[in-house]
Amino acid sequence: MTILGYKRVTLILSIICVALVVLSVSLFVGYAPLKLRLMMASEQVHIFEEMRSRALQGSPSDAAGCLEYVVSYYPSGTKQIVGSRLDRLVEQARASVVREILAYLRSKTGEDLGSDAEAWIQKYAQRK
């Protein structure tokens, strides 16, 4: 191989290396925010489950307080991109916990204030 051939191979390999570095950086830049949003989603779902456990072991006023916390804890669009898969996952977990707490409140109080969490919160949550 001639010197010109070596120069061409060196140039081609250099371009490939730069392209791989650019690709690696772009993948990392895309991965880091996704990992952060995934950690936040996991934390949100964990908080919902914790509130569900507390609510199902407490009095109706405790359950209403937990319900209020679940409903108001980082609503859609605050920690997740609205409509994203993670946002839908978090909101499904929130809705499930809200339904369970409402069912618990219905069974404990013997009342049915509907599926609107705000009505239950207004009636049973302790105000400071």
C-alpha atoms as a PDB file:
ATOM      1  CA  MET A   1       0.000   0.000   0.000  1.00  0.00           C
ATOM      2  CA  THR A   2       1.257   3.469  -0.838  1.00  0.00           C
ATOM      3  CA  ILE A   3       1.454   6.507   1.415  1.00  0.00           C
ATOM      4  CA  LEU A   4      -1.657   7.921  -0.290  1.00  0.00           C
ATOM      5  CA  GLY A   5      -3.504   4.698   0.508  1.00  0.00           C
ATOM      6  CA  TYR A   6      -2.514   4.906   4.169  1.00  0.00           C
ATOM      7  CA  LYS A   7      -3.663   8.524   4.294  1.00  0.00           C
ATOM      8  CA  ARG A   8      -7.075   7.543   2.882  1.00  0.00           C
ATOM      9  CA  VAL A   9      -7.469   4.669   5.341  1.00  0.00           C
ATOM     10  CA  THR A  10      -6.431   6.981   8.202  1.00  0.00           C
ATOM     11  CA  LEU A  11      -8.932   9.617   7.069  1.00  0.00           C
ATOM     12  CA  ILE A  12     -11.752   7.078   6.748  1.00  0.00           C
ATOM     13  CA  LEU A  13     -10.994   5.562  10.164  1.00  0.00           C
ATOM     14  CA  SER A  14     -10.826   9.049  11.723  1.00  0.00           C
ATOM     15  CA  ILE A  15     -14.235   9.932  10.271  1.00  0.00           C
ATOM     16  CA  ILE A  16     -15.677   6.663  11.585  1.00  0.00           C
ATOM     17  CA  CYS A  17     -14.214   7.355  15.056  1.00  0.00           C
ATOM     18  CA  VAL A  18     -15.653  10.886  15.140  1.00  0.00           C
ATOM     19  CA  ALA A  19     -19.025   9.560  13.999  1.00  0.00           C
ATOM     20  CA  LEU A  20     -18.978   6.923  16.752  1.00  0.00           C
ATOM     21  CA  VAL A  21     -18.095   9.540  19.375  1.00  0.00           C
ATOM     22  CA  VAL A  22     -20.929  11.787  18.168  1.00  0.00           C
ATOM     23  CA  LEU A  23     -23.325   8.840  18.220  1.00  0.00           C
ATOM     24  CA  SER A  24     -22.219   7.875  21.747  1.00  0.00           C
ATOM     25  CA  VAL A  25     -22.690  11.406  23.051  1.00  0.00           C
ATOM     26  CA  SER A  26     -26.123  11.721  21.447  1.00  0.00           C
ATOM     27  CA  LEU A  27     -27.216   8.392  22.945  1.00  0.00           C
ATOM     28  CA  PHE A  28     -25.968   9.429  26.388  1.00  0.00           C
ATOM     29  CA  VAL A  29     -27.722  12.803  26.139  1.00  0.00           C
ATOM     30  CA  GLY A  30     -30.955  11.012  25.275  1.00  0.00           C
ATOM     31  CA  TYR A  31     -30.514   8.324  27.945  1.00  0.00           C
ATOM     32  CA  ALA A  32     -29.755  10.564  30.930  1.00  0.00           C
ATOM     33  CA  PRO A  33     -33.106  12.447  30.950  1.00  0.00           C
ATOM     34  CA  LEU A  34     -34.987   9.197  30.349  1.00  0.00           C
ATOM     35  CA  LYS A  35     -33.259   7.565  33.305  1.00  0.00           C
ATOM     36  CA  LEU A  36     -34.093  10.595  35.470  1.00  0.00           C
ATOM     37  CA  ARG A  37     -37.772  10.508  34.441  1.00  0.00           C
ATOM     38  CA  LEU A  38     -37.852   6.761  35.098  1.00  0.00           C
ATOM     39  CA  MET A  39     -36.467   7.279  38.604  1.00  0.00           C
ATOM     40  CA  MET A  40     -39.074   9.990  39.262  1.00  0.00           C
ATOM     41  CA  ALA A  41     -41.885   7.758  37.983  1.00  0.00           C
ATOM     42  CA  SER A  42     -40.742   4.928  40.211  1.00  0.00           C
ATOM     43  CA  GLU A  43     -40.652   7.276  43.203  1.00  0.00           C
ATOM     44  CA  GLN A  44     -44.140   8.591  42.429  1.00  0.00           C
ATOM     45  CA  VAL A  45     -45.636   5.099  42.184  1.00  0.00           C
ATOM     46  CA  HIS A  46     -43.881   4.138  45.426  1.00  0.00           C
ATOM     47  CA  ILE A  47     -45.393   7.162  47.196  1.00  0.00           C
ATOM     48  CA  PHE A  48     -48.852   6.250  45.903  1.00  0.00           C
ATOM     49  CA  GLU A  49     -48.495   2.704  47.223  1.00  0.00           C
ATOM     50  CA  GLU A  50     -47.295   4.008  50.577  1.00  0.00           C
ATOM     51  CA  MET A  51     -50.321   6.301  50.831  1.00  0.00           C
ATOM     52  CA  ARG A  52     -52.610   3.432  49.860  1.00  0.00           C
ATOM     53  CA  SER A  53     -51.203   1.284  52.655  1.00  0.00           C
ATOM     54  CA  ARG A  54     -51.586   4.072  55.193  1.00  0.00           C
ATOM     55  CA  ALA A  55     -55.105   4.847  54.045  1.00  0.00           C
ATOM     56  CA  LEU A  56     -56.293   1.257  54.271  1.00  0.00           C
ATOM     57  CA  GLN A  57     -54.985   0.971  57.830  1.00  0.00           C
ATOM     58  CA  GLY A  58     -56.318   4.260  59.138  1.00  0.00           C
ATOM     59  CA  SER A  59     -59.520   6.018  60.030  1.00  0.00           C
ATOM     60  CA  PRO A  60     -61.695   7.659  57.367  1.00  0.00           C
ATOM     61  CA  SER A  61     -60.069  11.030  58.123  1.00  0.00           C
ATOM     62  CA  ASP A  62     -56.611   9.476  57.742  1.00  0.00           C
ATOM     63  CA  ALA A  63     -57.686   7.843  54.485  1.00  0.00           C
ATOM     64  CA  ALA A  64     -59.082  11.137  53.200  1.00  0.00           C
ATOM     65  CA  GLY A  65     -55.790  12.824  54.053  1.00  0.00           C
ATOM     66  CA  CYS A  66     -53.897  10.153  52.134  1.00  0.00           C
ATOM     67  CA  LEU A  67     -56.352  10.529  49.268  1.00  0.00           C
ATOM     68  CA  GLU A  68     -55.706  14.269  49.200  1.00  0.00           C
ATOM     69  CA  TYR A  69     -51.968  13.653  49.135  1.00  0.00           C
ATOM     70  CA  VAL A  70     -52.244  11.156  46.259  1.00  0.00           C
ATOM     71  CA  VAL A  71     -54.465  13.472  44.211  1.00  0.00           C
ATOM     72  CA  SER A  72     -52.230  16.513  44.679  1.00  0.00           C
ATOM     73  CA  TYR A  73     -48.796  14.829  44.598  1.00  0.00           C
ATOM     74  CA  TYR A  74     -47.011  16.080  41.484  1.00  0.00           C
ATOM     75  CA  PRO A  75     -49.926  16.127  39.054  1.00  0.00           C
ATOM     76  CA  SER A  76     -49.445  15.074  35.446  1.00  0.00           C
ATOM     77  CA  GLY A  77     -46.976  17.308  33.657  1.00  0.00           C
ATOM     78  CA  THR A  78     -44.881  18.269  36.670  1.00  0.00           C
ATOM     79  CA  LYS A  79     -42.389  15.399  36.811  1.00  0.00           C
ATOM     80  CA  GLN A  80     -43.311  13.655  33.570  1.00  0.00           C
ATOM     81  CA  ILE A  81     -44.003  14.827  30.043  1.00  0.00           C
ATOM     82  CA  VAL A  82     -47.778  14.974  29.646  1.00  0.00           C
ATOM     83  CA  GLY A  83     -49.041  12.000  27.665  1.00  0.00           C
ATOM     84  CA  SER A  84     -45.731  10.139  27.673  1.00  0.00           C
ATOM     85  CA  ARG A  85     -45.676   6.436  28.474  1.00  0.00           C
ATOM     86  CA  LEU A  86     -44.211   7.129  31.906  1.00  0.00           C
ATOM     87  CA  ASP A  87     -46.834   9.792  32.572  1.00  0.00           C
ATOM     88  CA  ARG A  88     -49.592   7.352  31.633  1.00  0.00           C
ATOM     89  CA  LEU A  89     -48.049   4.701  33.872  1.00  0.00           C
ATOM     90  CA  VAL A  90     -47.890   7.109  36.823  1.00  0.00           C
ATOM     91  CA  GLU A  91     -51.419   8.353  36.248  1.00  0.00           C
ATOM     92  CA  GLN A  92     -52.753   4.782  36.013  1.00  0.00           C
ATOM     93  CA  ALA A  93     -51.100   4.011  39.346  1.00  0.00           C
ATOM     94  CA  ARG A  94     -52.593   7.189  40.841  1.00  0.00           C
ATOM     95  CA  ALA A  95     -56.072   6.340  39.541  1.00  0.00           C
ATOM     96  CA  SER A  96     -55.837   2.801  40.887  1.00  0.00           C
ATOM     97  CA  VAL A  97     -54.841   4.001  44.353  1.00  0.00           C
ATOM     98  CA  VAL A  98     -57.587   6.646  44.328  1.00  0.00           C
ATOM     99  CA  ARG A  99     -60.170   3.962  43.450  1.00  0.00           C
ATOM    100  CA  GLU A 100     -58.934   1.705  46.255  1.00  0.00           C
ATOM    101  CA  ILE A 101     -59.020   4.490  48.827  1.00  0.00           C
ATOM    102  CA  LEU A 102     -62.513   5.543  47.706  1.00  0.00           C
ATOM    103  CA  ALA A 103     -63.720   1.933  48.006  1.00  0.00           C
ATOM    104  CA  TYR A 104     -62.239   1.798  51.506  1.00  0.00           C
ATOM    105  CA  LEU A 105     -63.950   5.064  52.456  1.00  0.00           C
ATOM    106  CA  ARG A 106     -67.275   3.785  51.120  1.00  0.00           C
ATOM    107  CA  SER A 107     -66.999   0.612  53.185  1.00  0.00           C
ATOM    108  CA  LYS A 108     -65.871   2.397  56.355  1.00  0.00           C
ATOM    109  CA  THR A 109     -68.352   5.287  56.247  1.00  0.00           C
ATOM    110  CA  GLY A 110     -71.321   3.557  54.639  1.00  0.00           C
ATOM    111  CA  GLU A 111     -71.685   6.585  52.369  1.00  0.00           C
ATOM    112  CA  ASP A 112     -71.244   7.006  48.648  1.00  0.00           C
ATOM    113  CA  LEU A 113     -70.080  10.454  47.634  1.00  0.00           C
ATOM    114  CA  GLY A 114     -69.295   9.275  44.120  1.00  0.00           C
ATOM    115  CA  SER A 115     -65.981   8.828  42.379  1.00  0.00           C
ATOM    116  CA  ASP A 116     -64.884  12.444  42.746  1.00  0.00           C
ATOM    117  CA  ALA A 117     -62.030  12.412  45.254  1.00  0.00           C
ATOM    118  CA  GLU A 118     -62.564  16.083  46.084  1.00  0.00           C
ATOM    119  CA  ALA A 119     -65.986  15.417  47.633  1.00  0.00           C
ATOM    120  CA  TRP A 120     -64.479  12.815  49.971  1.00  0.00           C
ATOM    121  CA  ILE A 121     -61.557  15.079  50.816  1.00  0.00           C
ATOM    122  CA  GLN A 122     -63.855  17.992  51.635  1.00  0.00           C
ATOM    123  CA  LYS A 123     -66.022  15.869  53.904  1.00  0.00           C
ATOM    124  CA  TYR A 124     -63.465  13.719  55.719  1.00  0.00           C
ATOM    125  CA  ALA A 125     -59.977  15.242  55.556  1.00  0.00           C
ATOM    126  CA  GLN A 126     -58.892  17.063  58.676  1.00  0.00           C
ATOM    127  CA  ARG A 127     -58.150  20.718  58.015  1.00  0.00           C
ATOM    128  CA  LYS A 128     -55.363  22.433  59.881  1.00  0.00           C
END
